[in-house]
Protein backbone atom coordinates (compact mmCIF):
# COMPACT_ATOMS: atom_id res chain seq x y z
CA UNK A 1 -0.06 0.00 0.03
CA UNK A 2 2.76 2.35 -0.49
CA UNK A 3 1.42 3.97 -3.47
CA UNK A 4 -2.21 5.65 -3.55
CA UNK A 5 -4.45 4.29 -6.23
CA UNK A 6 -5.29 6.41 -9.20
CA UNK A 7 -9.25 6.10 -8.66
CA UNK A 8 -11.12 5.09 -5.86
CA UNK A 9 -15.06 4.80 -5.76
CA UNK A 10 -16.46 4.92 -2.17
CA UNK A 11 -19.99 4.93 -1.05
CA UNK A 12 -21.55 8.19 -0.59
CA UNK A 13 -20.83 10.22 2.68
CA UNK A 14 -18.30 9.21 5.19
CA UNK A 15 -17.76 5.77 6.27
CA UNK A 16 -18.68 5.16 10.09
CA UNK A 17 -16.19 2.43 11.48
CA UNK A 18 -15.78 0.95 14.81
CA UNK A 19 -12.64 -1.30 15.35
CA UNK A 20 -13.05 -3.49 18.34
CA UNK A 21 -9.91 -4.99 19.75
CA UNK A 22 -9.16 -7.12 22.85
CA UNK A 23 -6.32 -5.18 24.84
CA UNK A 24 -3.02 -4.30 22.94
CA UNK A 25 -1.98 -7.99 22.01
CA UNK A 26 0.22 -8.27 18.62
CA UNK A 27 -2.95 -9.06 16.83
CA UNK A 28 -4.75 -6.32 18.07
CA UNK A 29 -1.86 -3.90 17.25
CA UNK A 30 -1.77 -5.48 13.71
CA UNK A 31 -5.54 -4.72 13.24
CA UNK A 32 -5.23 -1.29 14.38
CA UNK A 33 -2.14 -0.36 11.96
CA UNK A 34 -3.77 -2.30 8.86
CA UNK A 35 -7.03 -0.51 9.42
CA UNK A 36 -5.45 3.01 9.70
CA UNK A 37 -3.22 2.44 6.86
CA UNK A 38 -6.24 1.29 4.71
CA UNK A 39 -8.27 4.23 5.74
CA UNK A 40 -5.51 6.79 5.10
CA UNK A 41 -4.53 5.22 1.69
CA UNK A 42 -8.28 4.62 0.23
CA UNK A 43 -10.66 6.92 2.20
CA UNK A 44 -8.78 10.15 1.85
CA UNK A 45 -10.37 11.43 5.03
CA UNK A 46 -13.92 10.29 4.29
CA UNK A 47 -14.18 8.06 7.40
CA UNK A 48 -14.53 8.15 10.95
CA UNK A 49 -12.85 5.09 12.94
CA UNK A 50 -13.27 4.55 16.71
CA UNK A 51 -11.24 1.95 18.34
CA UNK A 52 -12.85 0.10 21.34
CA UNK A 53 -10.79 -1.94 23.65
CA UNK A 54 -13.17 -4.62 24.77
CA UNK A 55 -11.19 -5.39 27.98
CA UNK A 56 -11.98 -1.90 28.96
CA UNK A 57 -15.55 -1.54 27.45
CA UNK A 58 -16.94 -5.19 27.38
CA UNK A 59 -20.67 -3.86 27.03
CA UNK A 60 -19.62 -2.64 23.64
CA UNK A 61 -19.56 -6.18 22.50
CA UNK A 62 -23.04 -6.98 23.65
CA UNK A 63 -24.39 -3.51 22.05
CA UNK A 64 -22.79 -4.07 18.50
CA UNK A 65 -23.12 -7.75 18.74
CA UNK A 66 -19.39 -8.46 18.49
CA UNK A 67 -18.19 -11.86 19.06
CA UNK A 68 -14.94 -12.15 17.64
CA UNK A 69 -11.83 -9.73 18.14
CA UNK A 70 -10.62 -8.01 16.24
CA UNK A 71 -13.76 -7.02 14.32
CA UNK A 72 -14.47 -4.02 12.29
CA UNK A 73 -18.01 -2.86 12.10
CA UNK A 74 -19.08 -0.35 9.27
CA UNK A 75 -22.07 1.33 10.51
CA UNK A 76 -22.75 3.94 7.57
CA UNK A 77 -23.54 3.67 4.90
CA UNK A 78 -25.87 1.03 4.96
CA UNK A 79 -25.80 -1.79 5.12
CA UNK A 80 -24.21 -2.51 8.34
CA UNK A 81 -21.37 -4.90 7.87
CA UNK A 82 -18.91 -6.84 10.35
CA UNK A 83 -15.46 -7.91 9.16
CA UNK A 84 -13.19 -10.12 11.30
CA UNK A 85 -9.41 -10.83 11.32
CA UNK A 86 -6.34 -8.71 11.44
CA UNK A 87 -7.31 -7.03 8.16
CA UNK A 88 -4.10 -7.68 6.41
CA UNK A 89 -5.77 -8.69 3.06
CA UNK A 90 -6.47 -5.21 1.69
CA UNK A 91 -8.50 -6.39 -1.36
CA UNK A 92 -10.90 -8.53 0.76
CA UNK A 93 -11.20 -5.38 3.38
CA UNK A 94 -11.97 -2.77 0.71
CA UNK A 95 -14.47 -4.99 -1.04
CA UNK A 96 -16.21 -5.71 2.40
CA UNK A 97 -16.42 -1.78 2.94
CA UNK A 98 -17.95 -1.34 -0.47
CA UNK A 99 -14.81 0.48 -2.07
CA UNK A 100 -14.03 -0.10 -5.67
CA UNK A 101 -10.27 0.71 -6.67
CA UNK A 102 -9.32 1.12 -10.14
CA UNK A 103 -5.52 1.63 -10.67
């Protein structure tokens, strides 16, 4: 992801994202780094990202129906979608978020 893609088509409006992690484990840190890099590369400021540590805020898992960690929840634009993993597979994540890249 060193070079920004030429053309990115993203859903209308800002993406509202929540990343749920369990503490600062290596897997959680990788997920945070991967999502931040992806957002900076493909969304050019058209996103709000909230990172939630489930150890500090366990009720957030129930409210958002999060079962696995790390999980990324896209609240807006609809439809709501939950992705699970370390988010290192950029193509899979951008497809899951509804972003179309033409390089």
